[in-house]
Amino acid sequence: MSSHSEGLLSGLSELLEIYKESKKIVKFYETHQPDQKLPLGVINEFRNCLDHVMRAVASSDRLEHEINEAKEHAYRVFYDTNELYIMKTSDSISSIMAQYTPEVISEAYPNYYRVILPKMTEFRSEAAKNLVNKNIDPERNNKSLTEFSELFAEFYFLLTEVESNIPSLEGCKNRKKKFWRKEVLISFAIGLATGLISSIIVTVLMA
């Protein structure tokens, strides 16, 4: 086996590990997003990764450089998909909870304020720190994907936790609507009765 073939095999073995993690995240994203569409930017990163692999195959002089460029694009697939999923999941949670008043949330789902909201803030902060390192040159440092994978999973569980509480939130919201309507009717009836009594008293006094 030539030195070029050995170098190529070694480089592709490293790239394969990154690719596996990136593909796993992409598959999860496609499965759990309503439109099930992968963003164009992520598709372009896959395309660029393959382009550099082909260049590595064709050129022994630039083998290491091309493999490292391919790895960088594979990392970008992973990080960009994670970043987008975390952003969309946060938006989904916020959209769900925006349908309910603080009073309803406090009564039907108090853990949202006590647990979920603080966790979302914490996880977003951690994600932002991890994203700072997403452009590290692979020639100097292979990046760990473990921390971000864990955050990805945490956001998924936060969303499922919030969604599981929708029935309780809806029930409380509907009860409060009925109570409010009843209070309005009672207030209206009292006001009407008061007005009629006042009219009668005035009529009697003026007679």
Protein backbone atom coordinates (compact mmCIF):
# COMPACT_ATOMS: atom_id res chain seq x y z
CA MET A 1 0.00 0.00 0.00
CA SER A 2 1.39 3.41 -0.97
CA SER A 3 1.99 6.16 1.57
CA HIS A 4 -0.84 8.15 -0.05
CA SER A 5 -3.27 5.25 0.37
CA GLU A 6 -2.21 4.73 3.99
CA GLY A 7 -2.59 8.43 4.75
CA LEU A 8 -5.95 8.53 3.01
CA LEU A 9 -7.23 5.51 4.93
CA SER A 10 -6.11 7.00 8.24
CA GLY A 11 -7.69 10.35 7.46
CA LEU A 12 -10.94 8.80 6.32
CA SER A 13 -11.11 6.71 9.49
CA GLU A 14 -10.99 9.90 11.59
CA LEU A 15 -13.51 11.59 9.32
CA LEU A 16 -15.85 8.61 9.56
CA GLU A 17 -16.21 9.01 13.34
CA ILE A 18 -17.21 12.67 12.95
CA TYR A 19 -19.52 11.82 10.08
CA LYS A 20 -21.32 9.15 12.13
CA GLU A 21 -22.10 11.65 14.91
CA SER A 22 -23.13 14.32 12.41
CA LYS A 23 -25.41 11.94 10.52
CA LYS A 24 -27.02 10.80 13.77
CA ILE A 25 -27.86 14.38 14.70
CA VAL A 26 -29.13 15.18 11.20
CA LYS A 27 -31.40 12.13 11.20
CA PHE A 28 -32.82 13.10 14.58
CA TYR A 29 -33.40 16.66 13.38
CA GLU A 30 -35.24 15.50 10.26
CA THR A 31 -37.39 13.11 12.30
CA HIS A 32 -38.40 15.62 14.98
CA GLN A 33 -38.99 18.76 12.93
CA PRO A 34 -42.52 19.36 11.56
CA ASP A 35 -41.36 20.05 7.99
CA GLN A 36 -38.66 17.33 8.16
CA LYS A 37 -36.45 19.44 5.90
CA LEU A 38 -32.71 19.80 6.37
CA PRO A 39 -31.53 23.41 6.02
CA LEU A 40 -29.69 24.25 2.80
CA GLY A 41 -26.64 25.40 4.76
CA VAL A 42 -26.22 21.95 6.31
CA ILE A 43 -26.63 20.25 2.93
CA ASN A 44 -23.91 22.51 1.55
CA GLU A 45 -21.58 21.47 4.37
CA PHE A 46 -22.13 17.81 3.45
CA ARG A 47 -21.40 18.66 -0.18
CA ASN A 48 -18.23 20.57 0.73
CA CYS A 49 -17.09 17.70 2.94
CA LEU A 50 -17.41 15.25 0.05
CA ASP A 51 -15.66 17.68 -2.30
CA HIS A 52 -12.59 17.80 -0.06
CA VAL A 53 -12.58 14.01 0.26
CA MET A 54 -12.48 13.72 -3.52
CA ARG A 55 -9.61 16.22 -3.63
CA ALA A 56 -7.76 14.17 -1.03
CA VAL A 57 -8.19 11.07 -3.17
CA ALA A 58 -6.86 12.91 -6.22
CA SER A 59 -3.87 14.69 -4.66
CA SER A 60 -1.15 13.19 -2.47
CA ASP A 61 0.52 16.58 -1.99
CA ARG A 62 -2.52 18.11 -0.32
CA LEU A 63 -3.87 14.97 1.33
CA GLU A 64 -3.61 16.12 4.95
CA HIS A 65 -4.96 19.58 4.17
CA GLU A 66 -7.95 18.24 2.25
CA ILE A 67 -8.81 15.68 4.92
CA ASN A 68 -8.67 18.37 7.60
CA GLU A 69 -10.93 20.59 5.51
CA ALA A 70 -13.35 17.69 5.09
CA LYS A 71 -13.34 17.15 8.86
CA GLU A 72 -14.04 20.82 9.44
CA HIS A 73 -17.12 20.69 7.22
CA ALA A 74 -18.29 17.50 8.96
CA TYR A 75 -17.96 19.31 12.29
CA ARG A 76 -19.97 22.20 10.89
CA VAL A 77 -22.77 19.80 9.93
CA PHE A 78 -22.89 18.63 13.53
CA TYR A 79 -22.69 22.05 15.17
CA ASP A 80 -24.98 23.88 12.76
CA THR A 81 -27.68 21.23 13.04
CA ASN A 82 -27.41 21.29 16.83
CA GLU A 83 -27.55 25.07 16.93
CA LEU A 84 -30.62 25.16 14.70
CA TYR A 85 -32.41 22.43 16.65
CA ILE A 86 -31.78 24.15 19.98
CA MET A 87 -33.02 27.46 18.57
CA LYS A 88 -36.17 25.91 17.06
CA THR A 89 -36.89 23.88 20.19
CA SER A 90 -36.58 26.99 22.36
CA ASP A 91 -38.96 28.82 20.03
CA SER A 92 -41.42 25.90 20.14
CA ILE A 93 -41.44 25.89 23.93
CA SER A 94 -41.89 29.67 24.06
CA SER A 95 -44.73 29.51 21.51
CA ILE A 96 -46.55 26.85 23.52
CA MET A 97 -46.25 28.72 26.81
CA ALA A 98 -47.21 32.08 25.24
CA GLN A 99 -50.77 30.73 24.91
CA TYR A 100 -51.21 30.74 28.68
CA THR A 101 -51.27 33.51 31.27
CA PRO A 102 -48.79 33.50 34.16
CA GLU A 103 -51.72 32.73 36.44
CA VAL A 104 -52.61 29.59 34.48
CA ILE A 105 -48.98 28.46 34.30
CA SER A 106 -48.43 29.02 38.02
CA GLU A 107 -51.48 26.96 38.87
CA ALA A 108 -51.35 24.15 36.28
CA TYR A 109 -47.62 23.85 35.61
CA PRO A 110 -45.57 25.57 38.35
CA ASN A 111 -42.47 23.57 37.40
CA TYR A 112 -42.23 25.62 34.21
CA TYR A 113 -41.08 28.63 36.24
CA ARG A 114 -39.21 26.63 38.85
CA VAL A 115 -37.43 24.10 36.62
CA ILE A 116 -37.98 24.36 32.87
CA LEU A 117 -37.32 28.06 32.32
CA PRO A 118 -34.11 28.11 34.40
CA LYS A 119 -32.89 24.98 32.59
CA MET A 120 -33.57 26.53 29.20
CA THR A 121 -31.51 29.57 30.17
CA GLU A 122 -28.71 27.39 31.50
CA PHE A 123 -28.64 25.10 28.45
CA ARG A 124 -28.69 28.01 26.00
CA SER A 125 -25.72 29.52 27.81
CA GLU A 126 -23.82 26.22 27.64
CA ALA A 127 -24.68 25.84 23.96
CA ALA A 128 -23.37 29.33 23.23
CA LYS A 129 -20.07 28.47 24.93
CA ASN A 130 -19.72 25.28 22.93
CA LEU A 131 -20.46 27.09 19.67
CA VAL A 132 -17.56 29.47 20.29
CA ASN A 133 -15.19 26.56 19.59
CA LYS A 134 -16.90 25.21 16.50
CA ASN A 135 -14.35 26.78 14.14
CA ILE A 136 -11.24 25.31 15.80
CA ASP A 137 -8.82 24.13 13.13
CA PRO A 138 -8.89 20.29 13.14
CA GLU A 139 -5.13 20.26 12.48
CA ARG A 140 -4.64 21.65 15.99
CA ASN A 141 -7.44 20.01 17.90
CA ASN A 142 -10.11 17.40 17.32
CA LYS A 143 -13.29 18.70 18.94
CA SER A 144 -15.37 16.76 21.42
CA LEU A 145 -18.97 16.33 20.35
CA THR A 146 -20.16 14.73 23.59
CA GLU A 147 -21.13 17.93 25.42
CA PHE A 148 -23.24 19.20 22.56
CA SER A 149 -24.93 15.83 22.06
CA GLU A 150 -25.98 15.90 25.70
CA LEU A 151 -27.41 19.41 25.33
CA PHE A 152 -29.25 18.33 22.21
CA ALA A 153 -30.91 15.53 24.18
CA GLU A 154 -31.70 17.85 27.09
CA PHE A 155 -33.58 20.27 24.84
CA TYR A 156 -35.56 17.40 23.35
CA PHE A 157 -36.61 16.23 26.81
CA LEU A 158 -37.54 19.78 27.83
CA LEU A 159 -39.86 20.04 24.82
CA THR A 160 -41.50 16.67 25.50
CA GLU A 161 -41.95 17.65 29.16
CA VAL A 162 -43.68 20.89 28.19
CA GLU A 163 -45.86 19.15 25.60
CA SER A 164 -46.96 16.55 28.16
CA ASN A 165 -48.35 19.36 30.32
CA ILE A 166 -50.49 20.92 27.60
CA PRO A 167 -53.67 19.05 28.68
CA SER A 168 -53.32 20.39 32.24
CA LEU A 169 -52.67 23.90 30.97
CA GLU A 170 -55.63 23.77 28.60
CA GLY A 171 -57.91 22.43 31.35
CA CYS A 172 -56.91 25.23 33.71
CA LYS A 173 -57.26 27.83 30.95
CA ASN A 174 -60.78 26.65 30.08
CA ARG A 175 -61.85 26.56 33.72
CA LYS A 176 -60.71 30.13 34.20
CA LYS A 177 -62.54 31.20 31.05
CA LYS A 178 -65.78 29.68 32.36
CA PHE A 179 -65.22 31.27 35.77
CA TRP A 180 -64.54 34.64 34.14
CA ARG A 181 -67.71 34.40 32.04
CA LYS A 182 -69.73 33.48 35.12
CA GLU A 183 -68.27 36.44 37.01
CA VAL A 184 -69.09 38.77 34.13
CA LEU A 185 -72.69 37.52 33.97
CA ILE A 186 -73.12 37.87 37.72
CA SER A 187 -71.66 41.38 37.67
CA PHE A 188 -73.92 42.30 34.77
CA ALA A 189 -76.97 40.89 36.55
CA ILE A 190 -76.12 42.73 39.77
CA GLY A 191 -75.59 45.96 37.85
CA LEU A 192 -78.87 45.56 36.00
CA ALA A 193 -80.77 44.75 39.20
CA THR A 194 -79.20 47.70 40.99
CA GLY A 195 -80.19 49.99 38.15
CA LEU A 196 -83.79 48.76 38.16
CA ILE A 197 -84.11 49.10 41.93
CA SER A 198 -82.68 52.61 41.78
CA SER A 199 -85.16 53.52 39.06
CA ILE A 200 -88.06 52.14 41.10
CA ILE A 201 -86.98 54.04 44.23
CA VAL A 202 -86.64 57.27 42.30
CA THR A 203 -90.07 56.76 40.70
CA VAL A 204 -91.69 56.08 44.12
CA LEU A 205 -90.06 59.09 45.72
CA MET A 206 -91.14 61.38 42.92
CA ALA A 207 -94.74 60.12 42.95
